Every structure is written in structure tokens, then in C-alpha cells.
Amino acid sequence: MTILIKVLQFFLSLSILVLVHEFGHFIAAKAFKTRVEKFYIFFDWGFSIFRCKKVNGQWRFKFFAKPEPEKYTTTEYRDAKGKKQTKYEPIDLSTLPEDDWRLSDSTEYGIGWFPLGGYNKIAGMVDESMDKSQMQQPPQPWEFRSKPAWQRFIIMIAGVFMNVALAVVIYIGLLAKEGKSYLPTEQVNKYGISVDSLGYQLGLRDGDKILAIDGKYVENFGEIPMQIILDKAQTIEVERDGKDTIIELPSDAVTKLLGSQDAQFITYRMPFVVAQVMENSPGEAAGLQAGDTIIGINDIATPYYQDFVKTIKQYNNQNVDVVVLRGNDTLTLSMQLAEEAVIGAYLNFNLTDYYELETIDYTFWEAIPAGFHQTFDELGDYWKQVKLIFSPKTKAYESVGGFISIGKIFPERWNWSMFWRLTAFLSIALAVMNILPIPALDGGFILFLLIEIITGRKPSDKFMEVAETVGLILVFGLVLLANGNDVIRLFK
């Protein structure tokens, strides 16, 4: 059931993102009286799940249908150099029945079967459909290629604009409704941090109190790990044993952090306050109760949950004495551990029981600039992540994830607040990825249009076809890399 909930959230979020992105292209094209032949969520290679179109004033619907026949007939021939060519000629529309979809120039709306994204098929444009038939006919005033460069530029950038706008709207709504809460670094320093083996390699130690990253204090503790990675931090200033210490991070710190499967190289510490004891567990057998605070194993003090987890692992298949606080009493509970070396107790993860969170409440009008600010902050951070991917030294390309990684970020239980936060983040990610200057992506078209606007020279249709083919190969290569990384991680 948890996997199903994750999958449903993923597809709902993806559908919203694609719909909003493609609607941007659609509405801009319509504004400039450019014909949009198809508007699809997901791709319909071979067949579509659903499609509809207005023919002779009536809406017609089809389910699980193959693509409609073309409006052109094809004839193959060889030119003067003996090279095979294809000639496209319009069919005689008067020979078609009155309900044939080819009689109508209205937009066909549909849902494809392949959940990779979606698309608009704009008349007179070289796109992923690679429809060459229309491009060999004389340009028409309602075609994309006939419009001024500045109009084509707006049509192409509208999808990215809509994704950014969606993130802004979501963040404004969330901030107005829920405000913003975060864990201040000052509060974490009450107990100090906990680090895993990777954090230890970087020079950090349990109990360190973080004072600055590259000389700058970070107010929000949750932003520290990403700031270390994205800004390629060189130093971390900490308080250790009452003294200020500057840690020089190794040159390969970012590579190590990106290559780690565990994101908890640095986290906050919490006392091990028991929230629940599992039935038929060593803890239940020993009399452990919810509300107990575990402070030691045998003669080893474990004042924090992370200390307990690290220590208990060495006592598999052994009898241990677990020291707990219950009210004003200190008790020693004897437990027989199995191979897994667990006592069967859940930690109370409620942060507010240990720390004071900083909460900022917004009125609707205050949430508007705050929503813009959060969106553009995340745009900047995500752009830094993309630059890391194209930096061979960091090996960030090995950490790129595909559909499995994206699906995993959704929670196991349906939470609308988290769903919309993740959708806003993915909308920003989609905007950044689409603006990359790669042919077949919006950014590739935008780049060529900027060159045309500056130079006054329009690339030929043949050049655009070649560029689109190269771009599609690059895009599919990135898709294979991302999803290939996912598959490899499944077997690690």
C-alpha cells in the first residue's frame, strides 16, 4: 500500500507539472494566433489512452486509439544525385467522410500511455514529433515558423515561466496557511551534532557545535548540509570541548558527500526517549515502557539516541544491561538480543519535545513576497546542483536519479502539505532542466531564437531537424543515465 501511495503521488504531481508547463506553450501560441495541433499529457507513441477533438462543431472522443492518418500522401523518389527523397502532398479533403478528424484544424487533446512528460504539437515547428510533412509545404500565416522571432521566443519560454509561476503560487499558499518553521542552528548546539562515518572522515565529531561555514553563520540548521555541497565549502568552524576549531575540508569532500547513499552525515542529537515498545521484543520482555529515557548500555553511557544506535550493534546475540531513567528513578533492564541487535523500541521523533523551532507566520499579503523569495532561492540552489552534474571532478553525475529516486521522495502516507511542497520543488527542477541549452529542450529553441534575434539570421529547417535529432539523443542519454543509476542502486 505504501508503494501504491508513493506511485499515485508521483503520477499526480508529474501530471500537474506537465499540464502547467505545456499549458504555458499552448496559451502563448493561441495568443499569437498560432495553431496548436495536439496538446498531450504523456506521450502517445503508437496509441493514446484518451483523445478528443472538435470536428464539424461536435466533440468526438476516442479511447485506446492509434494515431490518426496524416493529411499528406508520401511518394519516394531519387534526386539528381541518386539520393532517396520523400515528397509530401496534401490529400483531397473532399474525399473524406464528414466525421474524419483530418477535416478539422482544431486542437486534439489527449493522454498518452508513456509517462515521461507531455507535449504540444505546434504547427510549423520542428519538435520531438519529427513531422517533416508539414515543413515541406509553403509556410502558412498560422504556423510557428511564420511568426516573428520575438513571438516564437515568448511561446517557447512560456512553459518554463509557468513552472516557476506554479512554484510561486504553491509557496505563497503554503506560507499563508502554515507559515514557515525551521530548526535554528543555535538550538542544535544545545546538544551538539551527531555524525556518521563520512562526517567523521571530513573532520567532524559527535558533540561539535557548528559556528560557521566558510566564515558565515547559517541560521537554519537544515540548510547546512546543502550549503556545504552547493557552495563547495572549504572550512567549518565548530566549538569542540569548549574551544573554537576550524576544520579544513578535504578537496574531494563534495565528491564523497554526493557519492554517499546516507544523507545523515551530519544531524542533530536527541535523547533516546521511548515512544513505543514493540510486542514480543527484548524491550517488552525486560519491562521497558513508553516515556523511559535510555542513557546507557552495560558500562557505556549513551546519552543520545545516536550513541545508543552506534553502541548496540556490537552486542548481537548477547545479554545486555540497558540503563533507563523513569521519572526520578534509574533502572537497569536486562535484555537478551538477537542477531539484529535491536531492543524493539521506537524513538520519540517529535522535535518540539527537545528543541524550540523558529516559526514565522505570514498574512496572505506578506506571503506573496516571501513566496517569490523562496522560489528564487530554490531556483539558485537547483542551478548550483545542475552545475555540479556537469563538473567531472565532483562525479555528481553518479548521484543523478530518475523516476525511482523521484518517487522515493514522496512520503509513505498521503500528506497534502508535503505533496505540494514536493510538487513546487519538482516544478522548479523542471524549469531549470528545460532551460538548459540542449536542442529538443525549450532551452535549445530559446538559444537559437536569441541568436536569430541578435543576428537577424534564422536557422534553416534542415539545421533544426538535425539539432532536434541530436538533442533527443542527448535527452534520452540523460534519462538512461538517471534511471540506470536508480537500477544500480537497487542492487547495492
Protein backbone atom coordinates (compact mmCIF):
# COMPACT_ATOMS: atom_id res chain seq x y z
CA MET A 1 0.00 0.00 0.00
CA THR A 2 2.84 2.43 0.81
CA ILE A 3 4.36 1.88 -2.64
CA LEU A 4 0.96 2.50 -4.25
CA ILE A 5 0.56 5.78 -2.33
CA LYS A 6 4.03 6.90 -3.44
CA VAL A 7 3.26 5.99 -7.07
CA LEU A 8 -0.08 7.81 -7.02
CA GLN A 9 1.52 10.95 -5.57
CA PHE A 10 4.31 10.79 -8.14
CA PHE A 11 1.97 10.50 -11.13
CA LEU A 12 -0.42 13.16 -9.83
CA SER A 13 2.47 15.56 -9.28
CA LEU A 14 4.00 14.78 -12.68
CA SER A 15 0.65 15.24 -14.40
CA ILE A 16 0.17 18.66 -12.77
CA LEU A 17 3.68 19.76 -13.74
CA VAL A 18 3.33 18.64 -17.36
CA LEU A 19 -0.15 20.14 -17.68
CA VAL A 20 1.03 23.52 -16.35
CA HIS A 21 4.21 23.53 -18.46
CA GLU A 22 2.51 22.61 -21.71
CA PHE A 23 -0.39 24.97 -20.99
CA GLY A 24 2.19 27.78 -20.96
CA HIS A 25 3.23 26.95 -24.53
CA PHE A 26 -0.40 26.42 -25.50
CA ILE A 27 -1.80 29.71 -24.22
CA ALA A 28 1.14 31.71 -25.64
CA ALA A 29 0.71 30.08 -29.06
CA LYS A 30 -3.02 30.80 -29.02
CA ALA A 31 -2.35 34.41 -28.02
CA PHE A 32 -0.30 34.87 -31.19
CA LYS A 33 -2.86 33.00 -33.33
CA THR A 34 -0.54 30.04 -33.84
CA ARG A 35 -2.26 26.72 -34.50
CA VAL A 36 -1.72 24.01 -31.86
CA GLU A 37 -2.44 20.63 -33.43
CA LYS A 38 -2.05 18.44 -30.33
CA PHE A 39 -2.00 19.02 -26.57
CA TYR A 40 -0.95 15.88 -24.69
CA ILE A 41 -0.14 14.79 -21.16
CA PHE A 42 2.40 11.96 -21.53
CA PHE A 43 3.49 10.62 -24.90
CA ASP A 44 1.24 8.73 -27.32
CA TRP A 45 3.78 6.73 -29.32
CA GLY A 46 1.77 4.04 -31.10
CA PHE A 47 -1.51 4.77 -29.35
CA SER A 48 -3.16 7.04 -26.80
CA ILE A 49 -5.24 6.21 -23.73
CA PHE A 50 -7.67 9.03 -24.48
CA ARG A 51 -8.10 11.69 -27.14
CA CYS A 52 -10.75 14.20 -28.15
CA LYS A 53 -11.21 16.82 -30.86
CA LYS A 54 -13.90 19.13 -32.19
CA VAL A 55 -14.93 18.05 -35.71
CA ASN A 56 -17.59 19.95 -37.65
CA GLY A 57 -18.78 21.67 -34.48
CA GLN A 58 -19.09 18.46 -32.41
CA TRP A 59 -16.68 16.98 -29.85
CA ARG A 60 -15.55 13.46 -30.70
CA PHE A 61 -13.87 11.13 -28.23
CA LYS A 62 -11.69 8.03 -28.65
CA PHE A 63 -10.14 5.63 -26.15
CA PHE A 64 -7.04 3.46 -26.69
CA ALA A 65 -6.83 4.66 -30.29
CA LYS A 66 -3.97 4.58 -32.77
CA PRO A 67 -2.69 7.88 -34.22
CA GLU A 68 -4.91 9.49 -36.82
CA PRO A 69 -3.89 9.25 -40.51
CA GLU A 70 -1.76 12.08 -41.87
CA LYS A 71 -3.12 14.87 -44.06
CA TYR A 72 -0.41 14.10 -46.59
CA THR A 73 0.44 11.28 -49.01
CA THR A 74 4.08 10.30 -49.43
CA THR A 75 5.99 9.46 -52.58
CA GLU A 76 9.60 8.29 -52.52
CA TYR A 77 11.97 9.19 -55.37
CA ARG A 78 15.64 9.72 -56.09
CA ASP A 79 17.04 13.14 -56.85
CA ALA A 80 19.64 14.03 -59.50
CA LYS A 81 22.42 12.76 -57.24
CA GLY A 82 20.65 9.44 -56.69
CA LYS A 83 19.79 10.23 -53.07
CA LYS A 84 16.45 8.93 -51.82
CA GLN A 85 13.96 11.71 -51.07
CA THR A 86 10.36 11.81 -49.85
CA LYS A 87 7.70 14.03 -51.39
CA TYR A 88 4.68 15.02 -49.31
CA GLU A 89 1.45 16.06 -51.00
CA PRO A 90 -1.79 17.17 -49.28
CA ILE A 91 -4.68 14.74 -49.59
CA ASP A 92 -8.01 15.74 -51.12
CA LEU A 93 -10.14 16.56 -48.06
CA SER A 94 -13.35 16.38 -50.12
CA THR A 95 -12.95 12.62 -50.35
CA LEU A 96 -13.09 12.15 -46.55
CA PRO A 97 -16.22 11.27 -44.54
CA GLU A 98 -17.73 14.15 -42.54
CA ASP A 99 -16.56 12.75 -39.17
CA ASP A 100 -12.91 12.34 -40.20
CA TRP A 101 -10.61 14.16 -37.75
CA ARG A 102 -8.45 15.45 -40.62
CA LEU A 103 -11.29 17.79 -41.65
CA SER A 104 -10.79 19.86 -38.51
CA ASP A 105 -7.91 22.21 -37.69
CA SER A 106 -8.90 22.42 -34.00
CA THR A 107 -6.57 21.15 -31.27
CA GLU A 108 -6.55 17.44 -30.42
CA TYR A 109 -6.38 16.90 -26.64
CA GLY A 110 -5.23 13.60 -25.19
CA ILE A 111 -3.46 11.44 -22.62
CA GLY A 112 -0.64 9.22 -23.84
CA TRP A 113 0.46 5.90 -22.41
CA PHE A 114 4.16 6.65 -21.78
CA PRO A 115 4.51 8.73 -18.56
CA LEU A 116 7.70 10.60 -19.43
CA GLY A 117 6.23 14.08 -19.78
CA GLY A 118 3.95 15.63 -22.36
CA TYR A 119 3.95 17.92 -25.35
CA ASN A 120 2.25 20.44 -27.62
CA LYS A 121 2.45 19.84 -31.36
CA ILE A 122 2.57 23.37 -32.72
CA ALA A 123 2.01 23.77 -36.45
CA GLY A 124 5.11 24.70 -38.45
CA MET A 125 7.61 23.81 -35.76
CA VAL A 126 10.36 21.19 -35.75
CA ASP A 127 9.77 19.33 -32.49
CA GLU A 128 10.02 15.86 -30.94
CA SER A 129 7.31 14.53 -33.27
CA MET A 130 9.80 14.99 -36.18
CA ASP A 131 6.86 15.62 -38.53
CA LYS A 132 8.59 16.64 -41.77
CA SER A 133 5.49 16.59 -43.98
CA GLN A 134 4.17 19.98 -42.91
CA MET A 135 7.61 21.58 -43.08
CA GLN A 136 7.87 20.74 -46.80
CA GLN A 137 4.72 22.72 -47.60
CA PRO A 138 4.68 26.50 -48.16
CA PRO A 139 4.62 28.42 -44.82
CA GLN A 140 1.18 29.47 -43.64
CA PRO A 141 0.42 32.61 -41.57
CA TRP A 142 -0.90 30.50 -38.67
CA GLU A 143 2.30 28.45 -38.38
CA PHE A 144 5.02 28.85 -35.76
CA ARG A 145 7.72 29.36 -38.41
CA SER A 146 5.81 32.31 -39.88
CA LYS A 147 5.70 34.27 -36.64
CA PRO A 148 8.25 36.99 -35.70
CA ALA A 149 11.21 35.77 -33.65
CA TRP A 150 10.08 37.62 -30.53
CA GLN A 151 6.68 35.86 -30.62
CA ARG A 152 8.34 32.47 -31.09
CA PHE A 153 10.64 33.31 -28.16
CA ILE A 154 7.66 34.02 -25.88
CA ILE A 155 5.90 30.82 -26.99
CA MET A 156 8.99 28.74 -26.14
CA ILE A 157 9.80 30.37 -22.79
CA ALA A 158 6.17 30.29 -21.61
CA GLY A 159 6.44 26.68 -20.37
CA VAL A 160 9.37 27.45 -18.08
CA PHE A 161 7.64 30.63 -16.93
CA MET A 162 4.53 28.67 -15.96
CA ASN A 163 6.56 26.17 -13.92
CA VAL A 164 8.20 28.99 -11.99
CA ALA A 165 4.82 30.66 -11.55
CA LEU A 166 3.34 27.38 -10.24
CA ALA A 167 6.09 27.15 -7.60
CA VAL A 168 5.46 30.76 -6.57
CA VAL A 169 1.71 30.16 -6.21
CA ILE A 170 2.24 26.96 -4.18
CA TYR A 171 4.73 28.60 -1.82
CA ILE A 172 2.50 31.64 -1.33
CA GLY A 173 -0.39 29.34 -0.40
CA LEU A 174 1.71 27.19 1.95
CA LEU A 175 3.32 30.18 3.69
CA ALA A 176 -0.04 31.92 4.14
CA LYS A 177 -1.65 28.76 5.52
CA GLU A 178 1.16 27.18 7.55
CA GLY A 179 3.88 29.78 7.90
CA LYS A 180 7.49 28.66 7.95
CA SER A 181 9.17 26.59 10.66
CA TYR A 182 12.80 25.58 10.91
CA LEU A 183 15.29 24.28 13.45
CA PRO A 184 17.78 27.04 14.40
CA THR A 185 21.44 26.08 14.47
CA GLU A 186 21.63 27.72 17.91
CA GLN A 187 19.12 25.17 19.22
CA VAL A 188 21.06 22.22 17.78
CA ASN A 189 24.15 23.49 19.55
CA LYS A 190 22.37 22.79 22.84
CA TYR A 191 23.25 19.09 22.41
CA GLY A 192 25.79 19.32 19.58
CA ILE A 193 25.70 17.39 16.32
CA SER A 194 25.92 13.70 15.51
CA VAL A 195 27.98 12.49 12.54
CA ASP A 196 28.25 9.21 10.67
CA SER A 197 31.47 7.65 9.33
CA LEU A 198 31.55 10.06 6.38
CA GLY A 199 31.12 13.09 8.63
CA TYR A 200 33.96 11.70 10.76
CA GLN A 201 36.19 11.45 7.65
CA LEU A 202 35.51 15.09 6.90
CA GLY A 203 36.84 16.01 10.35
CA LEU A 204 33.60 16.47 12.29
CA ARG A 205 32.98 14.82 15.65
CA ASP A 206 29.94 13.96 17.76
CA GLY A 207 29.12 16.87 20.04
CA ASP A 208 30.61 19.56 17.80
CA LYS A 209 28.69 22.83 17.80
CA ILE A 210 28.68 24.43 14.36
CA LEU A 211 29.55 28.12 14.42
CA ALA A 212 30.12 28.98 10.74
CA ILE A 213 30.51 27.62 7.20
CA ASP A 214 33.30 29.42 5.34
CA GLY A 215 33.11 32.14 7.96
CA LYS A 216 29.33 32.64 7.67
CA TYR A 217 26.77 31.72 10.32
CA VAL A 218 23.87 29.63 8.99
CA GLU A 219 20.65 30.34 10.89
CA ASN A 220 18.68 27.33 9.59
CA PHE A 221 20.40 24.08 10.58
CA GLY A 222 18.62 22.17 7.80
CA GLU A 223 20.39 24.29 5.17
CA ILE A 224 23.90 23.42 6.38
CA PRO A 225 24.43 20.09 4.50
CA MET A 226 23.31 21.52 1.14
CA GLN A 227 25.31 24.70 1.68
CA ILE A 228 28.45 22.63 2.22
CA ILE A 229 27.78 20.79 -1.06
CA LEU A 230 26.42 23.56 -3.28
CA ASP A 231 28.89 26.25 -2.22
CA LYS A 232 31.79 23.76 -2.14
CA ALA A 233 32.63 24.87 1.37
CA GLN A 234 36.29 24.76 2.37
CA THR A 235 36.06 25.27 6.14
CA ILE A 236 33.68 24.56 9.00
CA GLU A 237 34.16 26.38 12.28
CA VAL A 238 32.98 24.44 15.33
CA GLU A 239 33.12 24.61 19.09
CA ARG A 240 34.71 21.41 20.42
CA ASP A 241 35.36 20.79 24.09
CA GLY A 242 34.86 24.50 24.79
CA LYS A 243 37.35 25.64 22.15
CA ASP A 244 36.80 27.09 18.68
CA THR A 245 38.22 24.81 15.99
CA ILE A 246 38.43 25.37 12.23
CA ILE A 247 38.07 22.19 10.16
CA GLU A 248 39.68 22.25 6.72
CA LEU A 249 37.51 20.11 4.46
CA PRO A 250 39.35 17.79 2.04
CA SER A 251 39.38 18.72 -1.65
CA ASP A 252 37.19 15.74 -2.50
CA ALA A 253 34.58 16.50 0.17
CA VAL A 254 31.80 17.26 -2.33
CA THR A 255 32.55 14.08 -4.30
CA LYS A 256 32.35 11.99 -1.13
CA LEU A 257 29.13 13.65 0.01
CA LEU A 258 27.43 13.22 -3.36
CA GLY A 259 28.55 9.60 -3.59
CA SER A 260 27.21 8.71 -0.15
CA GLN A 261 23.92 6.83 -0.01
CA ASP A 262 23.29 8.16 3.51
CA ALA A 263 22.26 11.81 3.73
CA GLN A 264 22.72 11.86 7.53
CA PHE A 265 26.44 12.65 7.58
CA ILE A 266 25.51 15.45 9.96
CA THR A 267 22.35 15.66 12.04
CA TYR A 268 21.01 16.87 15.39
CA ARG A 269 21.22 14.77 18.55
CA MET A 270 18.26 13.77 20.68
CA PRO A 271 17.93 11.89 23.98
CA PHE A 272 16.51 8.40 23.45
CA VAL A 273 13.02 8.93 24.83
CA VAL A 274 10.96 5.82 24.07
CA ALA A 275 7.73 6.50 22.17
CA GLN A 276 6.58 2.88 21.76
CA VAL A 277 7.77 -0.62 22.63
CA MET A 278 7.15 -3.39 20.12
CA GLU A 279 5.30 -6.53 21.14
CA ASN A 280 7.38 -9.69 21.70
CA SER A 281 10.59 -7.67 21.68
CA PRO A 282 13.56 -7.80 24.10
CA GLY A 283 12.49 -4.39 25.40
CA GLU A 284 8.95 -5.56 26.23
CA ALA A 285 10.26 -8.70 27.90
CA ALA A 286 12.56 -6.60 30.11
CA GLY A 287 9.78 -4.20 31.12
CA LEU A 288 10.77 -1.19 29.02
CA GLN A 289 7.96 1.40 28.85
CA ALA A 290 6.97 4.34 26.68
CA GLY A 291 8.35 7.53 28.27
CA ASP A 292 11.55 5.85 29.51
CA THR A 293 14.80 7.60 28.61
CA ILE A 294 17.66 5.25 27.71
CA ILE A 295 21.01 6.55 28.96
CA GLY A 296 23.41 3.57 28.78
CA ILE A 297 24.27 0.02 27.74
CA ASN A 298 26.26 -2.04 30.26
CA ASP A 299 29.00 0.35 31.42
CA ILE A 300 28.85 2.60 28.33
CA ALA A 301 27.00 5.92 28.60
CA THR A 302 24.64 6.61 25.69
CA PRO A 303 23.08 9.99 26.50
CA TYR A 304 21.76 10.39 22.94
CA TYR A 305 19.82 8.18 20.56
CA GLN A 306 22.65 8.16 18.00
CA ASP A 307 25.09 6.98 20.71
CA PHE A 308 22.78 4.10 21.55
CA VAL A 309 22.39 3.02 17.90
CA LYS A 310 26.15 3.00 17.34
CA THR A 311 26.85 1.09 20.55
CA ILE A 312 24.12 -1.58 20.46
CA LYS A 313 25.41 -3.01 17.16
CA GLN A 314 28.35 -4.72 18.91
CA TYR A 315 26.10 -6.76 21.21
CA ASN A 316 24.22 -9.03 18.80
CA ASN A 317 23.27 -12.42 20.32
CA GLN A 318 24.32 -11.19 23.76
CA ASN A 319 22.68 -10.32 27.07
CA VAL A 320 22.97 -6.61 27.88
CA ASP A 321 22.00 -4.30 30.70
CA VAL A 322 20.13 -1.24 29.43
CA VAL A 323 20.08 1.72 31.83
CA VAL A 324 16.96 3.89 31.71
CA LEU A 325 15.50 6.89 33.51
CA ARG A 326 11.87 6.50 34.58
CA GLY A 327 10.67 9.60 36.39
CA ASN A 328 13.16 10.15 39.19
CA ASP A 329 14.35 6.54 39.18
CA THR A 330 17.33 4.97 37.40
CA LEU A 331 16.61 1.37 36.36
CA THR A 332 18.74 -1.38 34.85
CA LEU A 333 16.85 -3.71 32.50
CA SER A 334 18.41 -6.96 31.34
CA MET A 335 17.72 -7.87 27.69
CA GLN A 336 18.67 -10.81 25.50
CA LEU A 337 19.42 -9.53 22.00
CA ALA A 338 19.02 -11.50 18.80
CA GLU A 339 21.13 -11.40 15.62
CA GLU A 340 19.73 -7.99 14.62
CA ALA A 341 20.88 -6.40 17.91
CA VAL A 342 17.74 -4.32 18.41
CA ILE A 343 15.65 -3.87 21.56
CA GLY A 344 12.34 -3.15 19.81
CA ALA A 345 11.82 0.47 20.89
CA TYR A 346 10.82 3.50 18.79
CA LEU A 347 12.32 6.91 19.42
CA ASN A 348 10.06 9.88 20.10
CA PHE A 349 10.86 11.90 16.95
CA ASN A 350 8.81 14.95 17.95
CA LEU A 351 11.40 17.72 17.59
CA THR A 352 9.44 20.17 19.69
CA ASP A 353 9.98 17.92 22.73
CA TYR A 354 13.72 18.65 22.52
CA TYR A 355 14.13 21.89 20.62
CA GLU A 356 12.38 25.21 20.16
CA LEU A 357 11.59 25.62 16.47
CA GLU A 358 11.59 29.07 14.92
CA THR A 359 8.19 29.77 13.37
CA ILE A 360 7.34 32.69 11.10
CA ASP A 361 3.67 33.38 10.42
CA TYR A 362 2.57 35.28 7.31
CA THR A 363 -0.56 37.10 6.32
CA PHE A 364 -1.64 36.48 2.73
CA TRP A 365 -0.07 39.77 1.61
CA GLU A 366 3.17 39.03 3.47
CA ALA A 367 3.27 35.55 1.93
CA ILE A 368 3.40 36.96 -1.62
CA PRO A 369 6.96 38.43 -1.49
CA ALA A 370 8.05 35.55 0.76
CA GLY A 371 6.77 33.04 -1.83
CA PHE A 372 8.74 34.79 -4.60
CA HIS A 373 11.83 34.88 -2.38
CA GLN A 374 11.64 31.16 -1.57
CA THR A 375 11.10 30.23 -5.21
CA PHE A 376 14.08 32.17 -6.48
CA ASP A 377 16.29 30.90 -3.63
CA GLU A 378 15.45 27.33 -4.65
CA LEU A 379 16.00 28.16 -8.32
CA GLY A 380 19.50 29.33 -7.44
CA ASP A 381 20.21 26.24 -5.34
CA TYR A 382 18.94 23.86 -8.01
CA TRP A 383 21.02 25.60 -10.67
CA LYS A 384 24.08 25.01 -8.50
CA GLN A 385 23.17 21.31 -8.35
CA VAL A 386 22.92 21.14 -12.14
CA LYS A 387 26.35 22.75 -12.50
CA LEU A 388 27.77 20.07 -10.20
CA ILE A 389 26.40 17.37 -12.54
CA PHE A 390 28.43 18.80 -15.42
CA SER A 391 31.59 19.03 -13.28
CA PRO A 392 33.50 15.74 -13.81
CA LYS A 393 35.64 16.25 -10.69
CA THR A 394 32.65 16.00 -8.35
CA LYS A 395 31.26 12.86 -10.06
CA ALA A 396 27.83 14.32 -9.33
CA TYR A 397 26.51 12.55 -12.44
CA GLU A 398 26.70 9.32 -10.45
CA SER A 399 24.15 10.66 -7.97
CA VAL A 400 21.61 11.72 -10.62
CA GLY A 401 18.29 9.94 -10.07
CA GLY A 402 15.38 9.03 -12.32
CA PHE A 403 11.78 8.06 -11.76
CA ILE A 404 12.57 5.71 -8.85
CA SER A 405 14.51 8.41 -6.98
CA ILE A 406 11.78 10.98 -7.59
CA GLY A 407 9.10 8.54 -6.44
CA LYS A 408 11.00 7.79 -3.23
CA ILE A 409 10.95 11.41 -2.07
CA PHE A 410 7.17 11.28 -1.63
CA PRO A 411 6.01 10.23 1.87
CA GLU A 412 4.50 6.81 2.61
CA ARG A 413 1.30 8.43 3.87
CA TRP A 414 -0.70 10.96 1.93
CA ASN A 415 0.15 14.41 3.23
CA TRP A 416 -1.17 17.30 1.17
CA SER A 417 1.25 19.82 2.65
CA MET A 418 4.26 17.65 1.79
CA PHE A 419 2.76 16.79 -1.61
CA TRP A 420 2.51 20.45 -2.60
CA ARG A 421 5.98 21.24 -1.25
CA LEU A 422 7.47 18.45 -3.34
CA THR A 423 5.43 19.49 -6.38
CA ALA A 424 6.77 23.05 -6.04
CA PHE A 425 10.33 21.72 -5.81
CA LEU A 426 9.86 19.45 -8.85
CA SER A 427 8.32 22.35 -10.78
CA ILE A 428 11.48 24.36 -10.14
CA ALA A 429 13.59 21.38 -11.18
CA LEU A 430 11.59 21.00 -14.40
CA ALA A 431 12.01 24.70 -15.17
CA VAL A 432 15.78 24.58 -14.69
CA MET A 433 16.23 21.39 -16.71
CA ASN A 434 14.06 22.70 -19.56
CA ILE A 435 16.00 25.95 -19.83
CA LEU A 436 19.28 24.10 -20.45
CA PRO A 437 20.57 24.99 -23.95
CA ILE A 438 20.10 21.47 -25.31
CA PRO A 439 18.25 21.00 -28.62
CA ALA A 440 14.92 19.20 -28.08
CA LEU A 441 14.51 21.07 -24.78
CA ASP A 442 12.94 24.52 -24.57
CA GLY A 443 16.36 25.97 -23.80
CA GLY A 444 17.73 24.78 -27.15
CA PHE A 445 14.96 26.55 -29.07
CA ILE A 446 15.38 29.65 -26.92
CA LEU A 447 19.12 29.71 -27.63
CA PHE A 448 18.56 29.54 -31.40
CA LEU A 449 15.88 32.23 -31.18
CA LEU A 450 18.18 34.55 -29.24
CA ILE A 451 20.84 34.07 -31.90
CA GLU A 452 18.25 34.85 -34.58
CA ILE A 453 17.06 37.98 -32.75
CA ILE A 454 20.66 39.22 -32.37
CA THR A 455 21.96 38.31 -35.84
CA GLY A 456 18.75 38.57 -37.83
CA ARG A 457 19.51 35.18 -39.43
CA LYS A 458 17.08 32.30 -39.00
CA PRO A 459 18.44 28.71 -38.83
CA SER A 460 17.24 26.53 -41.72
CA ASP A 461 14.61 23.84 -41.20
CA LYS A 462 17.23 21.21 -42.09
CA PHE A 463 19.56 22.53 -39.39
CA MET A 464 16.72 22.46 -36.85
CA GLU A 465 15.87 18.85 -37.79
CA VAL A 466 19.48 17.77 -37.23
CA ALA A 467 19.69 19.75 -33.98
CA GLU A 468 16.43 18.21 -32.77
CA THR A 469 17.73 14.70 -33.51
CA VAL A 470 20.99 15.36 -31.65
CA GLY A 471 19.05 16.90 -28.76
CA LEU A 472 16.72 13.92 -28.49
CA ILE A 473 19.74 11.60 -28.32
CA LEU A 474 21.25 13.72 -25.54
CA VAL A 475 17.98 13.87 -23.61
CA PHE A 476 17.41 10.14 -23.84
CA GLY A 477 21.02 9.65 -22.80
CA LEU A 478 20.37 11.70 -19.65
CA VAL A 479 17.18 9.74 -18.99
CA LEU A 480 19.06 6.45 -19.34
CA LEU A 481 21.85 7.72 -17.06
CA ALA A 482 19.41 8.84 -14.36
CA ASN A 483 17.28 5.70 -14.40
CA GLY A 484 20.33 3.49 -14.85
CA ASN A 485 21.75 4.96 -11.63
CA ASP A 486 18.45 4.08 -9.93
CA VAL A 487 18.67 0.46 -11.08
CA ILE A 488 22.30 0.16 -9.97
CA ARG A 489 21.39 1.49 -6.50
CA LEU A 490 18.70 -1.18 -6.15
CA PHE A 491 21.38 -3.88 -6.27
CA LYS A 492 23.88 -2.18 -3.97
